[in-house]
Protein backbone atom coordinates (compact mmCIF):
# COMPACT_ATOMS: atom_id res chain seq x y z
CA MET A 1 75.44 -70.80 147.47
CA GLU A 2 78.75 -70.49 145.68
CA ASN A 3 76.77 -71.42 142.79
CA LEU A 4 74.31 -68.36 143.05
CA GLU A 5 77.17 -65.99 143.69
CA TYR A 6 79.26 -67.25 140.72
CA VAL A 7 75.97 -66.42 138.23
CA GLU A 8 75.79 -63.06 140.05
CA GLU A 9 79.14 -62.01 139.50
CA GLU A 10 79.22 -63.42 135.75
CA TYR A 11 76.45 -61.81 135.32
CA ARG A 12 77.64 -58.35 136.91
CA LEU A 13 81.01 -59.27 134.74
CA LYS A 14 79.16 -59.84 131.53
CA ARG A 15 76.71 -56.70 132.07
CA ARG A 16 79.20 -54.19 132.58
CA ILE A 17 80.87 -55.53 129.60
CA TYR A 18 78.04 -54.67 127.70
CA GLU A 19 77.85 -51.17 129.27
CA GLU A 20 81.44 -50.45 128.65
CA GLN A 21 81.01 -51.50 124.60
CA GLU A 22 77.76 -49.13 124.83
CA ASN A 23 79.42 -46.42 126.50
CA ASP A 24 82.38 -46.80 123.73
CA LEU A 25 79.93 -47.20 120.80
CA LEU A 26 78.46 -43.53 121.84
CA ARG A 27 82.06 -42.11 122.29
CA LYS A 28 82.82 -43.27 118.56
CA ARG A 29 79.25 -42.03 117.41
CA ASN A 30 79.77 -38.46 118.78
CA LYS A 31 83.70 -38.26 117.63
CA GLY A 32 82.77 -39.06 114.10
CA ILE A 33 80.11 -36.85 114.01
CA GLU A 34 82.01 -34.08 115.67
CA THR A 35 84.70 -34.69 112.94
CA LEU A 36 82.18 -34.40 110.28
CA GLU A 37 81.02 -31.29 111.51
CA GLU A 38 84.21 -29.74 111.59
CA VAL A 39 85.44 -30.61 108.14
CA GLN A 40 81.75 -29.28 106.86
CA ASP A 41 82.61 -25.86 108.75
CA ARG A 42 85.98 -25.76 107.59
CA SER A 43 85.11 -26.57 104.19
CA ARG A 44 82.30 -23.95 104.00
CA TYR A 45 84.49 -21.41 105.52
CA TYR A 46 87.71 -22.18 103.26
CA LEU A 47 86.06 -22.87 99.96
CA LYS A 48 83.14 -20.82 99.74
CA ASP A 49 85.34 -18.42 98.06
CA PHE A 50 87.36 -20.37 95.96
CA VAL A 51 84.83 -22.76 94.35
CA PRO A 52 83.76 -21.32 91.15
CA GLU A 53 80.52 -23.27 91.20
CA GLY A 54 78.63 -23.54 94.70
CA ASP A 55 76.95 -26.06 93.61
CA ILE A 56 79.74 -28.76 93.71
CA LEU A 57 80.17 -27.33 97.53
CA THR A 58 76.52 -27.56 98.01
CA ARG A 59 76.95 -31.22 96.92
CA GLY A 60 79.79 -32.05 99.28
CA LEU A 61 78.45 -30.64 102.10
CA HIS A 62 75.09 -32.64 101.13
CA GLN A 63 77.10 -35.96 101.12
CA ILE A 64 78.87 -35.02 104.49
CA GLU A 65 75.24 -34.62 106.12
CA GLN A 66 74.18 -38.09 104.73
CA MET A 67 77.70 -39.95 106.07
CA LYS A 68 76.60 -38.21 109.29
CA LYS A 69 73.07 -39.54 109.25
CA GLU A 70 74.60 -43.15 108.06
CA ILE A 71 77.11 -42.79 111.12
CA LEU A 72 73.41 -42.43 113.63
CA GLU A 73 71.77 -45.10 111.97
CA MET A 74 74.52 -47.60 112.12
CA ALA A 75 75.26 -46.62 115.84
CA ARG A 76 71.55 -47.09 116.62
CA ALA A 77 71.44 -50.29 114.83
CA ASP A 78 74.60 -51.05 117.07
CA ARG A 79 72.80 -49.92 120.04
CA GLN A 80 69.69 -52.00 119.68
CA ASN A 81 71.77 -55.22 119.13
CA LEU A 82 73.50 -54.44 122.59
CA ALA A 83 69.99 -53.71 124.14
CA ARG A 84 68.88 -57.09 122.78
CA LYS A 85 72.07 -59.08 124.03
CA LEU A 86 71.44 -57.19 127.54
CA GLU A 87 68.07 -58.20 127.59
CA LYS A 88 69.05 -61.80 126.64
CA LEU A 89 71.27 -61.88 129.41
CA ASP A 90 68.96 -60.65 132.21
CA GLU A 91 66.41 -63.44 131.11
CA ASP A 92 69.43 -66.17 131.43
CA TYR A 93 70.23 -64.62 134.58
CA HIS A 94 66.88 -64.49 136.32
CA SER A 95 66.37 -68.25 134.64
CA GLN A 96 69.47 -69.44 136.17
CA MET A 97 68.83 -67.64 139.76
CA ARG A 98 65.23 -69.09 139.65
CA LYS A 99 66.67 -72.63 139.00
CA LEU A 100 69.46 -72.48 141.38
CA ILE A 101 67.17 -71.17 144.24
CA GLU A 102 64.64 -73.65 143.49
CA LYS A 103 67.26 -76.27 143.66
CA ASP A 104 68.55 -75.16 146.78
CA ARG A 105 65.10 -75.35 148.50
CA GLN A 106 64.67 -78.89 147.07
CA GLY A 107 67.89 -79.61 148.46
CA ASP A 108 66.92 -78.76 151.93
CA GLY A 109 63.60 -80.71 152.17
CA PHE A 110 65.81 -83.70 151.89
CA LYS A 111 67.71 -82.95 154.11
CA CYS A 112 65.25 -84.12 157.47
């Protein structure tokens, strides 16, 4: 039984770590997007009257939009990677639990 408890404890610990990584990733993604949107809004507000060619400002704002898309894409890829790790962790956990339970059952059969 101690092995079962150990496997469960390890599984929960690793799962919690992955979940914390995902939460941290989402916070960073949101902060990055928020910062870019703030730069975009301030640029639009403060520079609209001072930039002689509106095209330059438009290009800069477009580049900020591209940066936001890149952040979202990187975060999506990182979340998919974490999801794969969680899936593998779940598979390994269930496999280990099945093996330990089967081993425990077989051990009980020889105790006659």
